[in-house]
Amino acid sequence: MAQYELVDIGANLGHPSYKDDFAAVLDRAKEAGLVKIMVTGTSEEISKQCETLVAPYSGFLYFTAGVHPHDAKDWNSTTTLQTIRNLQQNPACVAVGECGLDFNRNFSPQDVQRDVFRKQVELAVELRKPLFIHEREAHKDMVEILGAFGDKLPPAKPKNILKWDFILD
C-alpha cells in the first residue's frame, strides 16, 4: 500500500487569532500527523507576514503570496505586483495566490477581481509557478481567464493540484 503524507494546503495561520498560541498550534498539527503546512497569503501585507512567519520552520511551513478576490480592491498598482514577485523568489513560497474570483460575496468589484486575477495568472506564467485558486460562483469567468493563457500556464503536475471544489446543479 502506498504511503501518503498529510499536508495542509490552506492554513490561514497568519490570522491574528493564532498569535498567542502559534507554537502550540504547530505542535498539535505535528501530533496529528501533518508533515507540511502551506500558509496562505491573501493580500500584499499578509503575504509578507507569511514569509516572516514560516522562516523559522523551514521544511515544515511553506507559504503562498498573492491577493485573494476579497482583497482585490486593495491592489496597489505601484507596489503589489512587485511585492508578490519578490516574495515568489523565496524557496519557501510555493505558489501564486490565493487568487481568483468570488462573485458570491463581491467584497471587491467583479471587474477589479478579474483584473487582479489576470495579473496574478500572468505572474505565475512568467515565473512558472503553480496557482492557488479560489473560485466561487464565477466559473465561466474563471475558465475564460485561464483559457486565454492556454499552453502558457505552468504544467499541472499532480503535486501542484492543490484543491478543487465543485457543486453539481
Protein backbone atom coordinates (compact mmCIF):
# COMPACT_ATOMS: atom_id res chain seq x y z
CA MET A 1 0.00 0.00 0.00
CA ALA A 2 1.27 3.49 -0.87
CA GLN A 3 2.49 5.75 1.91
CA TYR A 4 0.88 9.18 1.96
CA GLU A 5 1.90 12.42 3.61
CA LEU A 6 -0.67 14.61 5.32
CA VAL A 7 -0.28 18.20 4.11
CA ASP A 8 -2.49 21.20 4.96
CA ILE A 9 -2.61 23.32 1.81
CA GLY A 10 -4.77 26.19 3.04
CA ALA A 11 -3.73 27.20 6.55
CA ASN A 12 -4.61 30.77 7.48
CA LEU A 13 -2.03 30.81 10.26
CA GLY A 14 -1.30 34.47 9.62
CA HIS A 15 -4.65 35.33 11.21
CA PRO A 16 -4.24 37.27 14.48
CA SER A 17 -6.23 34.63 16.39
CA TYR A 18 -3.18 32.32 16.23
CA LYS A 19 -0.69 34.88 17.53
CA ASP A 20 -0.70 33.85 21.19
CA ASP A 21 -0.53 30.08 20.72
CA PHE A 22 1.16 29.71 17.34
CA ALA A 23 3.78 27.22 18.58
CA ALA A 24 1.08 25.12 20.27
CA VAL A 25 -0.95 25.07 17.03
CA LEU A 26 2.10 23.75 15.16
CA ASP A 27 2.75 21.15 17.85
CA ARG A 28 -0.85 19.91 17.60
CA ALA A 29 -0.55 19.77 13.81
CA LYS A 30 2.58 17.63 14.05
CA GLU A 31 0.95 15.39 16.65
CA ALA A 32 -1.98 14.91 14.26
CA GLY A 33 0.43 13.69 11.58
CA LEU A 34 0.87 16.75 9.39
CA VAL A 35 4.27 16.80 7.69
CA LYS A 36 3.89 20.12 5.84
CA ILE A 37 1.69 23.17 6.09
CA MET A 38 1.17 25.80 3.40
CA VAL A 39 0.31 29.16 4.97
CA THR A 40 -1.95 31.17 2.68
CA GLY A 41 -1.08 34.69 1.59
CA THR A 42 -4.28 36.61 0.84
CA SER A 43 -3.07 40.20 0.48
CA GLU A 44 0.16 42.08 -0.09
CA GLU A 45 0.64 42.65 3.64
CA ILE A 46 -0.40 39.17 4.77
CA SER A 47 1.85 37.59 2.13
CA LYS A 48 4.82 39.49 3.60
CA GLN A 49 3.80 38.36 7.09
CA CYS A 50 3.59 34.76 5.87
CA GLU A 51 7.19 34.89 4.65
CA THR A 52 8.33 36.03 8.10
CA LEU A 53 6.08 33.53 9.87
CA VAL A 54 7.39 30.45 8.06
CA ALA A 55 11.11 31.34 8.14
CA PRO A 56 11.92 29.59 11.45
CA TYR A 57 10.12 26.41 10.33
CA SER A 58 11.96 25.53 7.12
CA GLY A 59 10.87 22.19 5.70
CA PHE A 60 7.61 22.19 7.68
CA LEU A 61 5.97 25.52 6.86
CA TYR A 62 5.69 26.94 3.35
CA PHE A 63 3.67 29.88 2.07
CA THR A 64 1.88 31.37 -0.89
CA ALA A 65 1.97 35.00 -1.97
CA GLY A 66 -0.97 36.60 -3.69
CA VAL A 67 -4.17 38.60 -3.39
CA HIS A 68 -7.48 36.89 -2.61
CA PRO A 69 -10.51 38.15 -4.58
CA HIS A 70 -11.97 39.65 -1.40
CA ASP A 71 -8.86 41.84 -1.14
CA ALA A 72 -8.56 42.66 -4.85
CA LYS A 73 -9.93 46.15 -4.17
CA ASP A 74 -6.75 46.87 -2.17
CA TRP A 75 -4.38 46.05 -5.07
CA ASN A 76 -1.82 48.85 -5.30
CA SER A 77 -0.73 49.31 -8.90
CA THR A 78 2.61 50.69 -7.70
CA THR A 79 3.67 48.03 -5.20
CA THR A 80 1.56 44.87 -5.06
CA LEU A 81 2.76 43.03 -8.16
CA GLN A 82 6.41 43.72 -7.38
CA THR A 83 5.97 42.63 -3.76
CA ILE A 84 4.38 39.35 -4.83
CA ARG A 85 7.07 38.82 -7.49
CA ASN A 86 9.80 39.38 -4.88
CA LEU A 87 8.18 37.00 -2.38
CA GLN A 88 7.98 34.30 -5.08
CA GLN A 89 11.80 34.20 -5.14
CA ASN A 90 11.84 32.68 -1.65
CA PRO A 91 12.14 28.87 -1.95
CA ALA A 92 9.50 28.53 0.81
CA CYS A 93 6.97 30.32 -1.42
CA VAL A 94 5.33 27.50 -3.34
CA ALA A 95 2.51 29.18 -5.31
CA VAL A 96 0.96 32.40 -6.56
CA GLY A 97 -2.24 33.03 -4.63
CA GLU A 98 -4.59 32.61 -3.07
CA CYS A 99 -6.06 34.36 -6.08
CA GLY A 100 -9.15 34.04 -8.20
CA LEU A 101 -12.76 35.18 -8.37
CA ASP A 102 -15.53 35.27 -5.78
CA PHE A 103 -18.82 36.55 -7.22
CA ASN A 104 -20.81 35.26 -4.25
CA ARG A 105 -19.83 37.88 -1.72
CA ASN A 106 -18.37 40.55 -4.01
CA PHE A 107 -16.22 42.19 -1.33
CA SER A 108 -14.32 43.59 -4.32
CA PRO A 109 -15.99 44.70 -7.58
CA GLN A 110 -16.09 41.93 -10.19
CA ASP A 111 -14.13 43.91 -12.79
CA VAL A 112 -11.38 44.56 -10.23
CA GLN A 113 -11.32 40.86 -9.29
CA ARG A 114 -10.92 39.88 -12.95
CA ASP A 115 -8.08 42.36 -13.49
CA VAL A 116 -6.20 41.35 -10.34
CA PHE A 117 -6.65 37.64 -11.09
CA ARG A 118 -5.32 38.13 -14.65
CA LYS A 119 -2.23 39.90 -13.30
CA GLN A 120 -1.53 37.03 -10.93
CA VAL A 121 -2.02 34.39 -13.63
CA GLU A 122 0.43 36.36 -15.80
CA LEU A 123 2.93 36.31 -12.94
CA ALA A 124 2.52 32.55 -12.45
CA VAL A 125 3.11 32.06 -16.18
CA GLU A 126 6.18 34.31 -16.10
CA LEU A 127 7.67 32.53 -13.07
CA ARG A 128 6.40 29.01 -13.99
CA LYS A 129 4.83 28.72 -10.53
CA PRO A 130 1.60 26.92 -9.58
CA LEU A 131 -1.55 28.89 -8.84
CA PHE A 132 -3.52 28.54 -5.61
CA ILE A 133 -7.00 29.39 -6.90
CA HIS A 134 -10.21 30.45 -5.17
CA GLU A 135 -13.42 30.36 -7.22
CA ARG A 136 -16.95 30.91 -6.05
CA GLU A 137 -19.90 31.44 -8.39
CA ALA A 138 -17.53 32.69 -11.10
CA HIS A 139 -16.77 29.52 -13.05
CA LYS A 140 -17.41 30.94 -16.53
CA ASP A 141 -15.15 33.94 -15.95
CA MET A 142 -12.50 31.76 -14.31
CA VAL A 143 -12.38 29.38 -17.26
CA GLU A 144 -12.30 32.30 -19.71
CA ILE A 145 -9.35 33.96 -17.96
CA LEU A 146 -7.38 30.74 -17.55
CA GLY A 147 -8.25 29.67 -21.10
CA ALA A 148 -6.75 32.87 -22.50
CA PHE A 149 -3.36 31.67 -21.27
CA GLY A 150 -3.72 28.22 -22.86
CA ASP A 151 -0.44 26.33 -23.08
CA LYS A 152 1.41 29.14 -21.31
CA LEU A 153 0.05 28.02 -17.93
CA PRO A 154 2.53 26.08 -15.80
CA PRO A 155 2.03 22.33 -16.22
CA ALA A 156 -0.48 20.84 -13.78
CA LYS A 157 1.61 18.16 -12.16
CA PRO A 158 -0.28 16.13 -9.56
CA LYS A 159 1.74 17.69 -6.74
CA ASN A 160 0.61 21.13 -7.94
CA ILE A 161 -3.13 20.42 -7.88
CA LEU A 162 -3.94 21.93 -4.54
CA LYS A 163 -7.71 21.95 -4.24
CA TRP A 164 -10.74 21.51 -6.44
CA ASP A 165 -14.24 22.14 -5.16
CA PHE A 166 -17.36 21.98 -7.28
CA ILE A 167 -21.08 21.62 -6.91
CA LEU A 168 -23.23 19.84 -9.47
CA ASP A 169 -26.54 21.55 -10.15
